[in-house]
Amino acid sequence: MVMLDFDYDKENQGFDLDDVQYADGIEKAGWKVTFRSDLLGKKMMAVFLDIYGNEARVLIDAKAFGKAKAQSSAMKSGKAVKKTEKKKAVKN
């Protein structure tokens, strides 16, 4: 199981559960944990739990997500640019 706090408050050290993903869902997703990047604050806390109750906490800076964070920031500020694809002419 993975529990996520998208906007972890490091000063108060309060974990606010925003999302939980269970092993069966993570396995079906190819062992990837996914979420919407626009939900991220400056830091995210991920808590990993195994079947024995062992816990690992990881504090992740939003910058670690690279382009995803930059894109969501652009969307929030209204500076997002729609990309268009060039279509090739088909000869019959």
C-alpha atoms as a PDB file:
ATOM      1  CA  MET A   1       0.000   0.000   0.000  1.00  0.00           C
ATOM      2  CA  VAL A   2       1.134   3.548  -0.722  1.00  0.00           C
ATOM      3  CA  MET A   3      -0.357   6.541   1.072  1.00  0.00           C
ATOM      4  CA  LEU A   4       0.256  10.012  -0.347  1.00  0.00           C
ATOM      5  CA  ASP A   5       0.159  13.536   1.063  1.00  0.00           C
ATOM      6  CA  PHE A   6       0.499  15.829  -1.952  1.00  0.00           C
ATOM      7  CA  ASP A   7       1.293  18.987   0.036  1.00  0.00           C
ATOM      8  CA  TYR A   8       3.253  17.787   3.071  1.00  0.00           C
ATOM      9  CA  ASP A   9       3.820  20.445   5.742  1.00  0.00           C
ATOM     10  CA  LYS A  10       7.394  19.816   6.883  1.00  0.00           C
ATOM     11  CA  GLU A  11       7.247  22.384   9.708  1.00  0.00           C
ATOM     12  CA  ASN A  12       4.209  20.859  11.429  1.00  0.00           C
ATOM     13  CA  GLN A  13       5.063  17.327  10.308  1.00  0.00           C
ATOM     14  CA  GLY A  14       1.377  16.587   9.855  1.00  0.00           C
ATOM     15  CA  PHE A  15       0.546  13.883   7.349  1.00  0.00           C
ATOM     16  CA  ASP A  16      -2.743  14.670   5.588  1.00  0.00           C
ATOM     17  CA  LEU A  17      -3.899  11.617   3.634  1.00  0.00           C
ATOM     18  CA  ASP A  18      -4.781  12.705   0.091  1.00  0.00           C
ATOM     19  CA  ASP A  19      -4.628   9.382  -1.752  1.00  0.00           C
ATOM     20  CA  VAL A  20      -4.148   5.700  -1.030  1.00  0.00           C
ATOM     21  CA  GLN A  21      -3.238   3.042  -3.563  1.00  0.00           C
ATOM     22  CA  TYR A  22      -3.360  -0.660  -2.790  1.00  0.00           C
ATOM     23  CA  ALA A  23      -1.048  -3.431  -4.010  1.00  0.00           C
ATOM     24  CA  ASP A  24      -3.544  -4.966  -6.436  1.00  0.00           C
ATOM     25  CA  GLY A  25      -4.095  -1.633  -8.213  1.00  0.00           C
ATOM     26  CA  ILE A  26      -0.372  -0.851  -8.288  1.00  0.00           C
ATOM     27  CA  GLU A  27       0.342  -4.305  -9.718  1.00  0.00           C
ATOM     28  CA  LYS A  28      -2.279  -3.832 -12.463  1.00  0.00           C
ATOM     29  CA  ALA A  29      -0.616  -0.493 -13.333  1.00  0.00           C
ATOM     30  CA  GLY A  30       2.736  -2.215 -13.919  1.00  0.00           C
ATOM     31  CA  TRP A  31       3.997  -1.454 -10.389  1.00  0.00           C
ATOM     32  CA  LYS A  32       3.673   2.292 -10.951  1.00  0.00           C
ATOM     33  CA  VAL A  33       2.028   4.752  -8.587  1.00  0.00           C
ATOM     34  CA  THR A  34       0.305   7.463 -10.588  1.00  0.00           C
ATOM     35  CA  PHE A  35      -1.483  10.663  -9.644  1.00  0.00           C
ATOM     36  CA  ARG A  36      -2.399  14.021 -11.155  1.00  0.00           C
ATOM     37  CA  SER A  37       0.587  16.362 -11.111  1.00  0.00           C
ATOM     38  CA  ASP A  38      -1.596  19.426 -10.585  1.00  0.00           C
ATOM     39  CA  LEU A  39      -2.303  18.176  -7.045  1.00  0.00           C
ATOM     40  CA  LEU A  40       1.342  18.561  -5.987  1.00  0.00           C
ATOM     41  CA  GLY A  41       2.465  21.214  -3.544  1.00  0.00           C
ATOM     42  CA  LYS A  42       6.119  21.986  -2.847  1.00  0.00           C
ATOM     43  CA  LYS A  43       6.758  18.624  -1.181  1.00  0.00           C
ATOM     44  CA  MET A  44       4.984  15.270  -1.223  1.00  0.00           C
ATOM     45  CA  MET A  45       5.177  12.585   1.459  1.00  0.00           C
ATOM     46  CA  ALA A  46       4.802   8.987   0.332  1.00  0.00           C
ATOM     47  CA  VAL A  47       4.347   6.260   2.938  1.00  0.00           C
ATOM     48  CA  PHE A  48       4.988   2.711   1.732  1.00  0.00           C
ATOM     49  CA  LEU A  49       3.591  -0.230   3.740  1.00  0.00           C
ATOM     50  CA  ASP A  50       4.284  -3.899   3.101  1.00  0.00           C
ATOM     51  CA  ILE A  51       2.201  -6.924   4.108  1.00  0.00           C
ATOM     52  CA  TYR A  52       4.101  -7.201   7.409  1.00  0.00           C
ATOM     53  CA  GLY A  53       3.332  -3.658   8.528  1.00  0.00           C
ATOM     54  CA  ASN A  54       6.819  -2.307   7.814  1.00  0.00           C
ATOM     55  CA  GLU A  55       6.683   1.357   6.872  1.00  0.00           C
ATOM     56  CA  ALA A  56       8.976   3.581   4.833  1.00  0.00           C
ATOM     57  CA  ARG A  57       8.394   7.335   4.592  1.00  0.00           C
ATOM     58  CA  VAL A  58       9.835   9.316   1.709  1.00  0.00           C
ATOM     59  CA  LEU A  59       9.687  13.100   1.386  1.00  0.00           C
ATOM     60  CA  ILE A  60       9.823  14.071  -2.289  1.00  0.00           C
ATOM     61  CA  ASP A  61      10.414  17.585  -3.610  1.00  0.00           C
ATOM     62  CA  ALA A  62       7.986  18.500  -6.413  1.00  0.00           C
ATOM     63  CA  LYS A  63      10.990  19.446  -8.569  1.00  0.00           C
ATOM     64  CA  ALA A  64      11.824  15.726  -8.743  1.00  0.00           C
ATOM     65  CA  PHE A  65       8.830  15.293 -11.040  1.00  0.00           C
ATOM     66  CA  GLY A  66      10.381  17.640 -13.607  1.00  0.00           C
ATOM     67  CA  LYS A  67       8.209  18.504 -16.583  1.00  0.00           C
ATOM     68  CA  ALA A  68       4.989  17.338 -14.931  1.00  0.00           C
ATOM     69  CA  LYS A  69       5.271  20.060 -12.286  1.00  0.00           C
ATOM     70  CA  ALA A  70       6.274  22.702 -14.836  1.00  0.00           C
ATOM     71  CA  GLN A  71       3.291  21.811 -17.016  1.00  0.00           C
ATOM     72  CA  SER A  72       0.830  21.947 -14.126  1.00  0.00           C
ATOM     73  CA  SER A  73       2.231  25.329 -13.050  1.00  0.00           C
ATOM     74  CA  ALA A  74       1.726  26.647 -16.568  1.00  0.00           C
ATOM     75  CA  MET A  75      -1.851  25.360 -16.588  1.00  0.00           C
ATOM     76  CA  LYS A  76      -2.615  27.079 -13.275  1.00  0.00           C
ATOM     77  CA  SER A  77      -1.158  30.383 -14.469  1.00  0.00           C
ATOM     78  CA  GLY A  78      -3.000  30.212 -17.785  1.00  0.00           C
ATOM     79  CA  LYS A  79       0.238  30.102 -19.781  1.00  0.00           C
ATOM     80  CA  ALA A  80      -0.285  26.629 -21.182  1.00  0.00           C
ATOM     81  CA  VAL A  81       0.135  26.376 -24.929  1.00  0.00           C
ATOM     82  CA  LYS A  82      -1.856  23.876 -26.918  1.00  0.00           C
ATOM     83  CA  LYS A  83       0.337  21.749 -29.149  1.00  0.00           C
ATOM     84  CA  THR A  84      -0.892  20.841 -32.600  1.00  0.00           C
ATOM     85  CA  GLU A  85       0.223  17.954 -34.721  1.00  0.00           C
ATOM     86  CA  LYS A  86       1.191  18.371 -38.340  1.00  0.00           C
ATOM     87  CA  LYS A  87      -0.761  16.078 -40.589  1.00  0.00           C
ATOM     88  CA  LYS A  88       0.935  14.506 -43.557  1.00  0.00           C
ATOM     89  CA  ALA A  89      -0.780  14.596 -46.890  1.00  0.00           C
ATOM     90  CA  VAL A  90      -1.817  11.165 -48.064  1.00  0.00           C
ATOM     91  CA  LYS A  91      -1.316  10.431 -51.770  1.00  0.00           C
ATOM     92  CA  ASN A  92      -3.721   8.014 -53.396  1.00  0.00           C
END
